[in-house]
Amino acid sequence: MISLDFFDSSSKFGVVKATVHKTGKLGFSSGASKFMNIENINFFNIGLNKEEEDKSLYLVPVEIETEKSFKVVKAGDYYYVFIKNIMRELKIDYKNETVIYDIEEMEYENNKMFKLIRRERK
C-alpha cells in the first residue's frame, strides 16, 4: 500500500522575494506581499544578527514609528521600504549589482519576523 504526502505548490504565493532597486528601495514581489501580509504592516525595524557573517537582514513588523523604524510604502500594487542608507552601511553596491533576497518567516521574542537571505550571484 502507498501513502502519499504531497508538497504545497509554490503557486500559493508566487515568487516570494525582495529586490533592492537602484533608487535604494527594497521592493517586495506580489508573492512576498501576500506571504508577509504586508498590507497590515506599517513599519519594520531592520537589523542584522551579530552572530552571523552572511549579512541577512531581519525585518520585525512594528506598529509605531520610532527613529529605528522604516515605513512601509505602497505604490500601485507594490510595497517597498527605503533602505539606501542600510545598503551604504553594509557596503553593498545596489546601484551596479542585482541585490535579491529570499524571504523566510521566523519568530523573534514571540512575534513574527522575516529573514531576508541574499541570493548568491554566479
PDB file of N, CA and C in Angstrom:
ATOM      1  N   MET A   1       0.845  -1.191   0.000  1.00  0.00           N
ATOM      2  CA  MET A   1       0.000   0.000   0.000  1.00  0.00           C
ATOM      3  C   MET A   1       0.882   1.243   0.000  1.00  0.00           C
ATOM      4  N   ILE A   2       0.452   2.276  -0.699  1.00  0.00           N
ATOM      5  CA  ILE A   2       1.182   3.539  -0.781  1.00  0.00           C
ATOM      6  C   ILE A   2       0.395   4.620  -0.039  1.00  0.00           C
ATOM      7  N   SER A   3       1.117   5.414   0.742  1.00  0.00           N
ATOM      8  CA  SER A   3       0.517   6.552   1.436  1.00  0.00           C
ATOM      9  C   SER A   3       1.312   7.795   1.045  1.00  0.00           C
ATOM     10  N   LEU A   4       0.736   8.614   0.186  1.00  0.00           N
ATOM     11  CA  LEU A   4       1.444   9.781  -0.329  1.00  0.00           C
ATOM     12  C   LEU A   4       1.136  11.033   0.485  1.00  0.00           C
ATOM     13  N   ASP A   5       2.154  11.831   0.682  1.00  0.00           N
ATOM     14  CA  ASP A   5       2.026  13.132   1.330  1.00  0.00           C
ATOM     15  C   ASP A   5       2.554  14.151   0.332  1.00  0.00           C
ATOM     16  N   PHE A   6       1.692  14.996  -0.226  1.00  0.00           N
ATOM     17  CA  PHE A   6       2.077  15.902  -1.296  1.00  0.00           C
ATOM     18  C   PHE A   6       2.561  17.244  -0.753  1.00  0.00           C
ATOM     19  N   PHE A   7       3.498  17.831  -1.466  1.00  0.00           N
ATOM     20  CA  PHE A   7       4.042  19.147  -1.125  1.00  0.00           C
ATOM     21  C   PHE A   7       3.083  20.237  -1.589  1.00  0.00           C
ATOM     22  N   ASP A   8       3.137  21.385  -0.911  1.00  0.00           N
ATOM     23  CA  ASP A   8       2.372  22.546  -1.350  1.00  0.00           C
ATOM     24  C   ASP A   8       3.013  23.126  -2.603  1.00  0.00           C
ATOM     25  N   SER A   9       2.207  23.619  -3.487  1.00  0.00           N
ATOM     26  CA  SER A   9       2.694  24.261  -4.694  1.00  0.00           C
ATOM     27  C   SER A   9       3.235  25.641  -4.355  1.00  0.00           C
ATOM     28  N   SER A  10       4.317  26.031  -5.017  1.00  0.00           N
ATOM     29  CA  SER A  10       4.858  27.370  -4.782  1.00  0.00           C
ATOM     30  C   SER A  10       3.932  28.441  -5.344  1.00  0.00           C
ATOM     31  N   SER A  11       2.926  28.021  -6.112  1.00  0.00           N
ATOM     32  CA  SER A  11       1.996  28.991  -6.687  1.00  0.00           C
ATOM     33  C   SER A  11       1.034  29.560  -5.639  1.00  0.00           C
ATOM     34  N   LYS A  12       1.094  29.032  -4.424  1.00  0.00           N
ATOM     35  CA  LYS A  12       0.233  29.555  -3.366  1.00  0.00           C
ATOM     36  C   LYS A  12       0.461  31.059  -3.197  1.00  0.00           C
ATOM     37  N   PHE A  13       1.731  31.474  -3.217  1.00  0.00           N
ATOM     38  CA  PHE A  13       2.063  32.892  -3.091  1.00  0.00           C
ATOM     39  C   PHE A  13       2.734  33.436  -4.346  1.00  0.00           C
ATOM     40  N   GLY A  14       3.263  32.575  -5.170  1.00  0.00           N
ATOM     41  CA  GLY A  14       4.087  33.026  -6.289  1.00  0.00           C
ATOM     42  C   GLY A  14       5.510  33.197  -5.799  1.00  0.00           C
ATOM     43  N   VAL A  15       6.275  34.030  -6.454  1.00  0.00           N
ATOM     44  CA  VAL A  15       7.665  34.268  -6.079  1.00  0.00           C
ATOM     45  C   VAL A  15       7.709  35.133  -4.819  1.00  0.00           C
ATOM     46  N   VAL A  16       8.369  34.621  -3.783  1.00  0.00           N
ATOM     47  CA  VAL A  16       8.485  35.335  -2.509  1.00  0.00           C
ATOM     48  C   VAL A  16       9.908  35.883  -2.426  1.00  0.00           C
ATOM     49  N   LYS A  17      10.060  37.143  -2.830  1.00  0.00           N
ATOM     50  CA  LYS A  17      11.393  37.760  -2.838  1.00  0.00           C
ATOM     51  C   LYS A  17      11.272  39.267  -2.652  1.00  0.00           C
ATOM     52  N   ALA A  18      12.411  39.858  -2.356  1.00  0.00           N
ATOM     53  CA  ALA A  18      12.519  41.316  -2.279  1.00  0.00           C
ATOM     54  C   ALA A  18      13.759  41.713  -3.075  1.00  0.00           C
ATOM     55  N   THR A  19      13.663  42.810  -3.786  1.00  0.00           N
ATOM     56  CA  THR A  19      14.752  43.279  -4.638  1.00  0.00           C
ATOM     57  C   THR A  19      15.086  44.724  -4.279  1.00  0.00           C
ATOM     58  N   VAL A  20      16.380  45.020  -4.194  1.00  0.00           N
ATOM     59  CA  VAL A  20      16.804  46.394  -3.955  1.00  0.00           C
ATOM     60  C   VAL A  20      16.920  47.081  -5.310  1.00  0.00           C
ATOM     61  N   HIS A  21      16.144  48.131  -5.480  1.00  0.00           N
ATOM     62  CA  HIS A  21      16.154  48.887  -6.722  1.00  0.00           C
ATOM     63  C   HIS A  21      17.292  49.902  -6.707  1.00  0.00           C
ATOM     64  N   LYS A  22      17.659  50.404  -7.842  1.00  0.00           N
ATOM     65  CA  LYS A  22      18.756  51.368  -7.963  1.00  0.00           C
ATOM     66  C   LYS A  22      18.465  52.677  -7.219  1.00  0.00           C
ATOM     67  N   THR A  23      17.212  52.888  -6.849  1.00  0.00           N
ATOM     68  CA  THR A  23      16.823  54.066  -6.070  1.00  0.00           C
ATOM     69  C   THR A  23      17.007  53.859  -4.565  1.00  0.00           C
ATOM     70  N   GLY A  24      17.373  52.632  -4.158  1.00  0.00           N
ATOM     71  CA  GLY A  24      17.545  52.334  -2.744  1.00  0.00           C
ATOM     72  C   GLY A  24      16.287  51.824  -2.075  1.00  0.00           C
ATOM     73  N   LYS A  25      15.267  51.514  -2.881  1.00  0.00           N
ATOM     74  CA  LYS A  25      14.026  50.963  -2.332  1.00  0.00           C
ATOM     75  C   LYS A  25      14.121  49.442  -2.316  1.00  0.00           C
ATOM     76  N   LEU A  26      13.706  48.841  -1.209  1.00  0.00           N
ATOM     77  CA  LEU A  26      13.582  47.397  -1.106  1.00  0.00           C
ATOM     78  C   LEU A  26      12.153  47.065  -1.507  1.00  0.00           C
ATOM     79  N   GLY A  27      11.983  46.576  -2.724  1.00  0.00           N
ATOM     80  CA  GLY A  27      10.657  46.285  -3.250  1.00  0.00           C
ATOM     81  C   GLY A  27      10.277  44.839  -3.042  1.00  0.00           C
ATOM     82  N   PHE A  28       9.053  44.613  -2.630  1.00  0.00           N
ATOM     83  CA  PHE A  28       8.556  43.263  -2.364  1.00  0.00           C
ATOM     84  C   PHE A  28       7.730  42.779  -3.554  1.00  0.00           C
ATOM     85  N   SER A  29       7.979  41.539  -3.988  1.00  0.00           N
ATOM     86  CA  SER A  29       7.169  40.958  -5.058  1.00  0.00           C
ATOM     87  C   SER A  29       5.742  40.794  -4.559  1.00  0.00           C
ATOM     88  N   SER A  30       4.801  40.611  -5.488  1.00  0.00           N
ATOM     89  CA  SER A  30       3.407  40.421  -5.059  1.00  0.00           C
ATOM     90  C   SER A  30       3.281  39.160  -4.212  1.00  0.00           C
ATOM     91  N   GLY A  31       4.059  38.129  -4.531  1.00  0.00           N
ATOM     92  CA  GLY A  31       4.052  36.909  -3.717  1.00  0.00           C
ATOM     93  C   GLY A  31       4.562  37.164  -2.312  1.00  0.00           C
ATOM     94  N   ALA A  32       5.599  37.979  -2.196  1.00  0.00           N
ATOM     95  CA  ALA A  32       6.136  38.324  -0.877  1.00  0.00           C
ATOM     96  C   ALA A  32       5.120  39.130  -0.076  1.00  0.00           C
ATOM     97  N   SER A  33       4.449  40.053  -0.751  1.00  0.00           N
ATOM     98  CA  SER A  33       3.437  40.869  -0.065  1.00  0.00           C
ATOM     99  C   SER A  33       2.338  40.000   0.522  1.00  0.00           C
ATOM    100  N   LYS A  34       1.901  38.999  -0.249  1.00  0.00           N
ATOM    101  CA  LYS A  34       0.870  38.074   0.259  1.00  0.00           C
ATOM    102  C   LYS A  34       1.417  37.222   1.397  1.00  0.00           C
ATOM    103  N   PHE A  35       2.617  36.655   1.199  1.00  0.00           N
ATOM    104  CA  PHE A  35       3.254  35.802   2.194  1.00  0.00           C
ATOM    105  C   PHE A  35       3.432  36.537   3.531  1.00  0.00           C
ATOM    106  N   MET A  36       3.841  37.798   3.440  1.00  0.00           N
ATOM    107  CA  MET A  36       4.123  38.590   4.640  1.00  0.00           C
ATOM    108  C   MET A  36       2.886  39.291   5.193  1.00  0.00           C
ATOM    109  N   ASN A  37       1.779  39.265   4.432  1.00  0.00           N
ATOM    110  CA  ASN A  37       0.580  40.003   4.814  1.00  0.00           C
ATOM    111  C   ASN A  37       0.946  41.476   5.040  1.00  0.00           C
ATOM    112  N   ILE A  38       1.713  41.994   4.094  1.00  0.00           N
ATOM    113  CA  ILE A  38       2.350  43.306   4.256  1.00  0.00           C
ATOM    114  C   ILE A  38       1.358  44.471   4.299  1.00  0.00           C
ATOM    115  N   GLU A  39       0.171  44.274   3.741  1.00  0.00           N
ATOM    116  CA  GLU A  39      -0.801  45.375   3.767  1.00  0.00           C
ATOM    117  C   GLU A  39      -1.221  45.730   5.192  1.00  0.00           C
ATOM    118  N   ASN A  40      -0.939  44.845   6.136  1.00  0.00           N
ATOM    119  CA  ASN A  40      -1.275  45.104   7.538  1.00  0.00           C
ATOM    120  C   ASN A  40      -0.064  45.520   8.367  1.00  0.00           C
ATOM    121  N   ILE A  41       1.053  45.823   7.695  1.00  0.00           N
ATOM    122  CA  ILE A  41       2.274  46.231   8.398  1.00  0.00           C
ATOM    123  C   ILE A  41       2.546  47.704   8.086  1.00  0.00           C
ATOM    124  N   ASN A  42       2.756  48.496   9.119  1.00  0.00           N
ATOM    125  CA  ASN A  42       3.034  49.922   8.942  1.00  0.00           C
ATOM    126  C   ASN A  42       4.532  50.237   8.880  1.00  0.00           C
ATOM    127  N   PHE A  43       5.304  49.556   9.731  1.00  0.00           N
ATOM    128  CA  PHE A  43       6.737  49.822   9.838  1.00  0.00           C
ATOM    129  C   PHE A  43       7.483  48.526  10.088  1.00  0.00           C
ATOM    130  N   PHE A  44       8.780  48.543   9.752  1.00  0.00           N
ATOM    131  CA  PHE A  44       9.689  47.453  10.106  1.00  0.00           C
ATOM    132  C   PHE A  44      10.859  48.033  10.876  1.00  0.00           C
ATOM    133  N   ASN A  45      11.314  47.308  11.894  1.00  0.00           N
ATOM    134  CA  ASN A  45      12.646  47.517  12.440  1.00  0.00           C
ATOM    135  C   ASN A  45      13.525  46.560  11.649  1.00  0.00           C
ATOM    136  N   ILE A  46      14.645  47.045  11.145  1.00  0.00           N
ATOM    137  CA  ILE A  46      15.516  46.231  10.300  1.00  0.00           C
ATOM    138  C   ILE A  46      16.858  46.091  10.982  1.00  0.00           C
ATOM    139  N   GLY A  47      17.333  44.846  11.084  1.00  0.00           N
ATOM    140  CA  GLY A  47      18.607  44.620  11.762  1.00  0.00           C
ATOM    141  C   GLY A  47      19.385  43.465  11.181  1.00  0.00           C
ATOM    142  N   LEU A  48      20.548  43.236  11.778  1.00  0.00           N
ATOM    143  CA  LEU A  48      21.439  42.128  11.442  1.00  0.00           C
ATOM    144  C   LEU A  48      21.581  41.237  12.666  1.00  0.00           C
ATOM    145  N   ASN A  49      21.888  39.985  12.444  1.00  0.00           N
ATOM    146  CA  ASN A  49      22.211  39.073  13.526  1.00  0.00           C
ATOM    147  C   ASN A  49      23.719  39.154  13.749  1.00  0.00           C
ATOM    148  N   LYS A  50      24.132  39.628  14.906  1.00  0.00           N
ATOM    149  CA  LYS A  50      25.557  39.795  15.197  1.00  0.00           C
ATOM    150  C   LYS A  50      26.315  38.468  15.167  1.00  0.00           C
ATOM    151  N   GLU A  51      25.579  37.362  15.319  1.00  0.00           N
ATOM    152  CA  GLU A  51      26.201  36.039  15.346  1.00  0.00           C
ATOM    153  C   GLU A  51      26.436  35.475  13.943  1.00  0.00           C
ATOM    154  N   GLU A  52      25.885  36.113  12.915  1.00  0.00           N
ATOM    155  CA  GLU A  52      26.025  35.613  11.547  1.00  0.00           C
ATOM    156  C   GLU A  52      27.008  36.459  10.766  1.00  0.00           C
ATOM    157  N   GLU A  53      27.624  35.840   9.772  1.00  0.00           N
ATOM    158  CA  GLU A  53      28.514  36.575   8.890  1.00  0.00           C
ATOM    159  C   GLU A  53      27.890  36.806   7.521  1.00  0.00           C
ATOM    160  N   ASP A  54      26.737  36.193   7.248  1.00  0.00           N
ATOM    161  CA  ASP A  54      26.165  36.269   5.902  1.00  0.00           C
ATOM    162  C   ASP A  54      25.406  37.559   5.626  1.00  0.00           C
ATOM    163  N   LYS A  55      25.212  38.392   6.621  1.00  0.00           N
ATOM    164  CA  LYS A  55      24.555  39.690   6.470  1.00  0.00           C
ATOM    165  C   LYS A  55      23.112  39.601   5.987  1.00  0.00           C
ATOM    166  N   SER A  56      22.407  38.577   6.429  1.00  0.00           N
ATOM    167  CA  SER A  56      20.963  38.525   6.173  1.00  0.00           C
ATOM    168  C   SER A  56      20.320  39.687   6.908  1.00  0.00           C
ATOM    169  N   LEU A  57      19.255  40.210   6.347  1.00  0.00           N
ATOM    170  CA  LEU A  57      18.513  41.277   7.000  1.00  0.00           C
ATOM    171  C   LEU A  57      17.328  40.676   7.737  1.00  0.00           C
ATOM    172  N   TYR A  58      16.998  41.232   8.868  1.00  0.00           N
ATOM    173  CA  TYR A  58      15.867  40.782   9.662  1.00  0.00           C
ATOM    174  C   TYR A  58      14.870  41.930   9.759  1.00  0.00           C
ATOM    175  N   LEU A  59      13.639  41.662   9.353  1.00  0.00           N
ATOM    176  CA  LEU A  59      12.580  42.665   9.377  1.00  0.00           C
ATOM    177  C   LEU A  59      11.563  42.278  10.441  1.00  0.00           C
ATOM    178  N   VAL A  60      11.422  43.122  11.431  1.00  0.00           N
ATOM    179  CA  VAL A  60      10.469  42.891  12.517  1.00  0.00           C
ATOM    180  C   VAL A  60       9.344  43.912  12.365  1.00  0.00           C
ATOM    181  N   PRO A  61       8.108  43.444  12.087  1.00  0.00           N
ATOM    182  CA  PRO A  61       6.989  44.383  11.960  1.00  0.00           C
ATOM    183  C   PRO A  61       6.712  45.088  13.282  1.00  0.00           C
ATOM    184  N   VAL A  62       6.516  46.416  13.205  1.00  0.00           N
ATOM    185  CA  VAL A  62       6.164  47.206  14.387  1.00  0.00           C
ATOM    186  C   VAL A  62       5.032  48.154  14.013  1.00  0.00           C
ATOM    187  N   GLU A  63       4.253  48.504  14.995  1.00  0.00           N
ATOM    188  CA  GLU A  63       3.078  49.357  14.769  1.00  0.00           C
ATOM    189  C   GLU A  63       3.394  50.838  14.848  1.00  0.00           C
ATOM    190  N   ILE A  64       4.368  51.176  15.671  1.00  0.00           N
ATOM    191  CA  ILE A  64       4.622  52.585  15.981  1.00  0.00           C
ATOM    192  C   ILE A  64       5.933  53.044  15.347  1.00  0.00           C
ATOM    193  N   GLU A  65       5.910  54.233  14.772  1.00  0.00           N
ATOM    194  CA  GLU A  65       7.112  54.801  14.170  1.00  0.00           C
ATOM    195  C   GLU A  65       8.055  55.295  15.264  1.00  0.00           C
ATOM    196  N   THR A  66       9.327  54.893  15.142  1.00  0.00           N
ATOM    197  CA  THR A  66      10.381  55.359  16.036  1.00  0.00           C
ATOM    198  C   THR A  66      11.560  55.774  15.161  1.00  0.00           C
ATOM    199  N   GLU A  67      12.636  56.208  15.787  1.00  0.00           N
ATOM    200  CA  GLU A  67      13.808  56.577  14.990  1.00  0.00           C
ATOM    201  C   GLU A  67      14.486  55.355  14.381  1.00  0.00           C
ATOM    202  N   LYS A  68      14.132  54.158  14.821  1.00  0.00           N
ATOM    203  CA  LYS A  68      14.706  52.930  14.262  1.00  0.00           C
ATOM    204  C   LYS A  68      13.789  52.245  13.256  1.00  0.00           C
ATOM    205  N   SER A  69      12.587  52.723  13.081  1.00  0.00           N
ATOM    206  CA  SER A  69      11.635  52.038  12.197  1.00  0.00           C
ATOM    207  C   SER A  69      11.688  52.593  10.772  1.00  0.00           C
ATOM    208  N   PHE A  70      11.332  51.723   9.832  1.00  0.00           N
ATOM    209  CA  PHE A  70      11.284  52.068   8.413  1.00  0.00           C
ATOM    210  C   PHE A  70       9.839  51.923   7.944  1.00  0.00           C
ATOM    211  N   LYS A  71       9.325  52.947   7.307  1.00  0.00           N
ATOM    212  CA  LYS A  71       7.922  52.969   6.870  1.00  0.00           C
ATOM    213  C   LYS A  71       7.713  52.072   5.655  1.00  0.00           C
ATOM    214  N   VAL A  72       6.640  51.308   5.682  1.00  0.00           N
ATOM    215  CA  VAL A  72       6.212  50.519   4.533  1.00  0.00           C
ATOM    216  C   VAL A  72       5.364  51.430   3.656  1.00  0.00           C
ATOM    217  N   VAL A  73       5.764  51.553   2.397  1.00  0.00           N
ATOM    218  CA  VAL A  73       5.099  52.457   1.460  1.00  0.00           C
ATOM    219  C   VAL A  73       4.442  51.632   0.359  1.00  0.00           C
ATOM    220  N   LYS A  74       3.235  52.042  -0.034  1.00  0.00           N
ATOM    221  CA  LYS A  74       2.528  51.371  -1.121  1.00  0.00           C
ATOM    222  C   LYS A  74       2.578  52.263  -2.350  1.00  0.00           C
ATOM    223  N   ALA A  75       2.958  51.646  -3.484  1.00  0.00           N
ATOM    224  CA  ALA A  75       2.991  52.353  -4.768  1.00  0.00           C
ATOM    225  C   ALA A  75       2.294  51.467  -5.788  1.00  0.00           C
ATOM    226  N   GLY A  76       1.066  51.826  -6.143  1.00  0.00           N
ATOM    227  CA  GLY A  76       0.291  50.960  -7.039  1.00  0.00           C
ATOM    228  C   GLY A  76      -0.046  49.666  -6.328  1.00  0.00           C
ATOM    229  N   ASP A  77       0.329  48.547  -6.948  1.00  0.00           N
ATOM    230  CA  ASP A  77       0.077  47.231  -6.347  1.00  0.00           C
ATOM    231  C   ASP A  77       1.249  46.726  -5.514  1.00  0.00           C
ATOM    232  N   TYR A  78       2.318  47.506  -5.425  1.00  0.00           N
ATOM    233  CA  TYR A  78       3.544  47.030  -4.784  1.00  0.00           C
ATOM    234  C   TYR A  78       3.870  47.805  -3.520  1.00  0.00           C
ATOM    235  N   TYR A  79       4.674  47.161  -2.673  1.00  0.00           N
ATOM    236  CA  TYR A  79       5.105  47.754  -1.415  1.00  0.00           C
ATOM    237  C   TYR A  79       6.631  47.826  -1.404  1.00  0.00           C
ATOM    238  N   TYR A  80       7.153  48.835  -0.714  1.00  0.00           N
ATOM    239  CA  TYR A  80       8.596  48.939  -0.585  1.00  0.00           C
ATOM    240  C   TYR A  80       8.964  49.643   0.714  1.00  0.00           C
ATOM    241  N   VAL A  81      10.244  49.517   1.063  1.00  0.00           N
ATOM    242  CA  VAL A  81      10.832  50.203   2.205  1.00  0.00           C
ATOM    243  C   VAL A  81      12.115  50.841   1.690  1.00  0.00           C
ATOM    244  N   PHE A  82      12.357  52.075   2.039  1.00  0.00           N
ATOM    245  CA  PHE A  82      13.538  52.794   1.574  1.00  0.00           C
ATOM    246  C   PHE A  82      14.735  52.426   2.453  1.00  0.00           C
ATOM    247  N   ILE A  83      15.728  51.706   1.877  1.00  0.00           N
ATOM    248  CA  ILE A  83      16.870  51.217   2.681  1.00  0.00           C
ATOM    249  C   ILE A  83      18.229  51.639   2.107  1.00  0.00           C
ATOM    250  N   LYS A  84      18.253  52.718   1.373  1.00  0.00           N
ATOM    251  CA  LYS A  84      19.510  53.188   0.761  1.00  0.00           C
ATOM    252  C   LYS A  84      20.632  53.294   1.797  1.00  0.00           C
ATOM    253  N   ASN A  85      20.348  53.851   2.957  1.00  0.00           N
ATOM    254  CA  ASN A  85      21.392  54.025   3.979  1.00  0.00           C
ATOM    255  C   ASN A  85      21.895  52.690   4.523  1.00  0.00           C
ATOM    256  N   ILE A  86      21.015  51.708   4.622  1.00  0.00           N
ATOM    257  CA  ILE A  86      21.444  50.380   5.073  1.00  0.00           C
ATOM    258  C   ILE A  86      22.389  49.775   4.045  1.00  0.00           C
ATOM    259  N   MET A  87      22.058  49.887   2.772  1.00  0.00           N
ATOM    260  CA  MET A  87      22.912  49.343   1.711  1.00  0.00           C
ATOM    261  C   MET A  87      24.289  50.012   1.743  1.00  0.00           C
ATOM    262  N   ARG A  88      24.305  51.308   1.944  1.00  0.00           N
ATOM    263  CA  ARG A  88      25.587  52.029   2.035  1.00  0.00           C
ATOM    264  C   ARG A  88      26.400  51.553   3.229  1.00  0.00           C
ATOM    265  N   GLU A  89      25.729  51.425   4.379  1.00  0.00           N
ATOM    266  CA  GLU A  89      26.419  50.987   5.596  1.00  0.00           C
ATOM    267  C   GLU A  89      26.992  49.583   5.437  1.00  0.00           C
ATOM    268  N   LEU A  90      26.271  48.713   4.730  1.00  0.00           N
ATOM    269  CA  LEU A  90      26.734  47.341   4.504  1.00  0.00           C
ATOM    270  C   LEU A  90      27.710  47.250   3.326  1.00  0.00           C
ATOM    271  N   LYS A  91      27.966  48.387   2.679  1.00  0.00           N
ATOM    272  CA  LYS A  91      28.860  48.444   1.523  1.00  0.00           C
ATOM    273  C   LYS A  91      28.398  47.510   0.399  1.00  0.00           C
ATOM    274  N   ILE A  92      27.096  47.526   0.164  1.00  0.00           N
ATOM    275  CA  ILE A  92      26.508  46.759  -0.943  1.00  0.00           C
ATOM    276  C   ILE A  92      26.261  47.733  -2.084  1.00  0.00           C
ATOM    277  N   ASP A  93      26.836  47.448  -3.240  1.00  0.00           N
ATOM    278  CA  ASP A  93      26.735  48.313  -4.407  1.00  0.00           C
ATOM    279  C   ASP A  93      25.417  48.032  -5.134  1.00  0.00           C
ATOM    280  N   TYR A  94      24.328  48.471  -4.538  1.00  0.00           N
ATOM    281  CA  TYR A  94      22.999  48.190  -5.076  1.00  0.00           C
ATOM    282  C   TYR A  94      22.742  48.882  -6.408  1.00  0.00           C
ATOM    283  N   LYS A  95      23.513  49.909  -6.727  1.00  0.00           N
ATOM    284  CA  LYS A  95      23.314  50.619  -7.995  1.00  0.00           C
ATOM    285  C   LYS A  95      23.890  49.853  -9.174  1.00  0.00           C
ATOM    286  N   ASN A  96      24.916  49.039  -8.936  1.00  0.00           N
ATOM    287  CA  ASN A  96      25.577  48.309 -10.012  1.00  0.00           C
ATOM    288  C   ASN A  96      25.427  46.799  -9.921  1.00  0.00           C
ATOM    289  N   GLU A  97      24.905  46.302  -8.804  1.00  0.00           N
ATOM    290  CA  GLU A  97      24.706  44.864  -8.621  1.00  0.00           C
ATOM    291  C   GLU A  97      23.210  44.584  -8.511  1.00  0.00           C
ATOM    292  N   THR A  98      22.821  43.385  -8.892  1.00  0.00           N
ATOM    293  CA  THR A  98      21.455  42.934  -8.653  1.00  0.00           C
ATOM    294  C   THR A  98      21.413  42.348  -7.243  1.00  0.00           C
ATOM    295  N   VAL A  99      20.611  42.945  -6.390  1.00  0.00           N
ATOM    296  CA  VAL A  99      20.526  42.516  -4.993  1.00  0.00           C
ATOM    297  C   VAL A  99      19.120  41.975  -4.760  1.00  0.00           C
ATOM    298  N   ILE A 100      19.029  40.651  -4.590  1.00  0.00           N
ATOM    299  CA  ILE A 100      17.749  39.972  -4.396  1.00  0.00           C
ATOM    300  C   ILE A 100      17.817  39.166  -3.099  1.00  0.00           C
ATOM    301  N   TYR A 101      16.741  39.233  -2.343  1.00  0.00           N
ATOM    302  CA  TYR A 101      16.643  38.478  -1.098  1.00  0.00           C
ATOM    303  C   TYR A 101      15.464  37.512  -1.161  1.00  0.00           C
ATOM    304  N   ASP A 102      15.694  36.274  -0.715  1.00  0.00           N
ATOM    305  CA  ASP A 102      14.604  35.332  -0.477  1.00  0.00           C
ATOM    306  C   ASP A 102      14.118  35.572   0.942  1.00  0.00           C
ATOM    307  N   ILE A 103      12.841  35.322   1.182  1.00  0.00           N
ATOM    308  CA  ILE A 103      12.228  35.682   2.456  1.00  0.00           C
ATOM    309  C   ILE A 103      11.719  34.444   3.188  1.00  0.00           C
ATOM    310  N   GLU A 104      12.100  34.339   4.453  1.00  0.00           N
ATOM    311  CA  GLU A 104      11.608  33.271   5.333  1.00  0.00           C
ATOM    312  C   GLU A 104      10.923  33.908   6.533  1.00  0.00           C
ATOM    313  N   GLU A 105       9.865  33.278   6.998  1.00  0.00           N
ATOM    314  CA  GLU A 105       9.197  33.742   8.218  1.00  0.00           C
ATOM    315  C   GLU A 105       9.841  33.068   9.415  1.00  0.00           C
ATOM    316  N   MET A 106      10.041  33.840  10.475  1.00  0.00           N
ATOM    317  CA  MET A 106      10.636  33.333  11.707  1.00  0.00           C
ATOM    318  C   MET A 106       9.900  33.948  12.889  1.00  0.00           C
ATOM    319  N   GLU A 107      10.386  33.615  14.086  1.00  0.00           N
ATOM    320  CA  GLU A 107       9.816  34.194  15.291  1.00  0.00           C
ATOM    321  C   GLU A 107      10.917  34.888  16.080  1.00  0.00           C
ATOM    322  N   TYR A 108      10.599  36.057  16.629  1.00  0.00           N
ATOM    323  CA  TYR A 108      11.541  36.821  17.445  1.00  0.00           C
ATOM    324  C   TYR A 108      10.769  37.386  18.624  1.00  0.00           C
ATOM    325  N   GLU A 109      11.187  37.011  19.823  1.00  0.00           N
ATOM    326  CA  GLU A 109      10.525  37.465  21.049  1.00  0.00           C
ATOM    327  C   GLU A 109       9.011  37.246  20.966  1.00  0.00           C
ATOM    328  N   ASN A 110       8.622  36.054  20.545  1.00  0.00           N
ATOM    329  CA  ASN A 110       7.222  35.621  20.429  1.00  0.00           C
ATOM    330  C   ASN A 110       6.422  36.412  19.399  1.00  0.00           C
ATOM    331  N   ASN A 111       7.095  37.065  18.470  1.00  0.00           N
ATOM    332  CA  ASN A 111       6.424  37.790  17.397  1.00  0.00           C
ATOM    333  C   ASN A 111       6.965  37.333  16.048  1.00  0.00           C
ATOM    334  N   LYS A 112       6.145  37.500  15.038  1.00  0.00           N
ATOM    335  CA  LYS A 112       6.543  37.140  13.688  1.00  0.00           C
ATOM    336  C   LYS A 112       7.577  38.134  13.170  1.00  0.00           C
ATOM    337  N   MET A 113       8.578  37.604  12.465  1.00  0.00           N
ATOM    338  CA  MET A 113       9.541  38.456  11.784  1.00  0.00           C
ATOM    339  C   MET A 113       9.949  37.750  10.494  1.00  0.00           C
ATOM    340  N   PHE A 114      10.723  38.441   9.673  1.00  0.00           N
ATOM    341  CA  PHE A 114      11.122  37.896   8.387  1.00  0.00           C
ATOM    342  C   PHE A 114      12.631  38.002   8.226  1.00  0.00           C
ATOM    343  N   LYS A 115      13.222  36.901   7.760  1.00  0.00           N
ATOM    344  CA  LYS A 115      14.651  36.866   7.464  1.00  0.00           C
ATOM    345  C   LYS A 115      14.805  36.996   5.957  1.00  0.00           C
ATOM    346  N   LEU A 116      15.586  37.978   5.526  1.00  0.00           N
ATOM    347  CA  LEU A 116      15.870  38.179   4.112  1.00  0.00           C
ATOM    348  C   LEU A 116      17.270  37.656   3.844  1.00  0.00           C
ATOM    349  N   ILE A 117      17.331  36.594   3.053  1.00  0.00           N
ATOM    350  CA  ILE A 117      18.586  35.916   2.752  1.00  0.00           C
ATOM    351  C   ILE A 117      19.017  36.304   1.345  1.00  0.00           C
ATOM    352  N   ARG A 118      20.182  36.910   1.245  1.00  0.00           N
ATOM    353  CA  ARG A 118      20.651  37.386  -0.065  1.00  0.00           C
ATOM    354  C   ARG A 118      20.971  36.218  -0.986  1.00  0.00           C
ATOM    355  N   ARG A 119      20.478  36.296  -2.196  1.00  0.00           N
ATOM    356  CA  ARG A 119      20.775  35.287  -3.207  1.00  0.00           C
ATOM    357  C   ARG A 119      22.195  35.465  -3.688  1.00  0.00           C
ATOM    358  N   GLU A 120      22.868  34.353  -3.864  1.00  0.00           N
ATOM    359  CA  GLU A 120      24.219  34.384  -4.399  1.00  0.00           C
ATOM    360  C   GLU A 120      24.161  34.496  -5.905  1.00  0.00           C
ATOM    361  N   ARG A 121      24.933  35.404  -6.464  1.00  0.00           N
ATOM    362  CA  ARG A 121      25.001  35.584  -7.914  1.00  0.00           C
ATOM    363  C   ARG A 121      26.246  34.871  -8.409  1.00  0.00           C
ATOM    364  N   LYS A 122      26.073  34.062  -9.451  1.00  0.00           N
ATOM    365  CA  LYS A 122      27.216  33.334 -10.006  1.00  0.00           C
ATOM    366  C   LYS A 122      27.532  33.822 -11.380  1.00  0.00           C
TER     367      LYS A 122
END
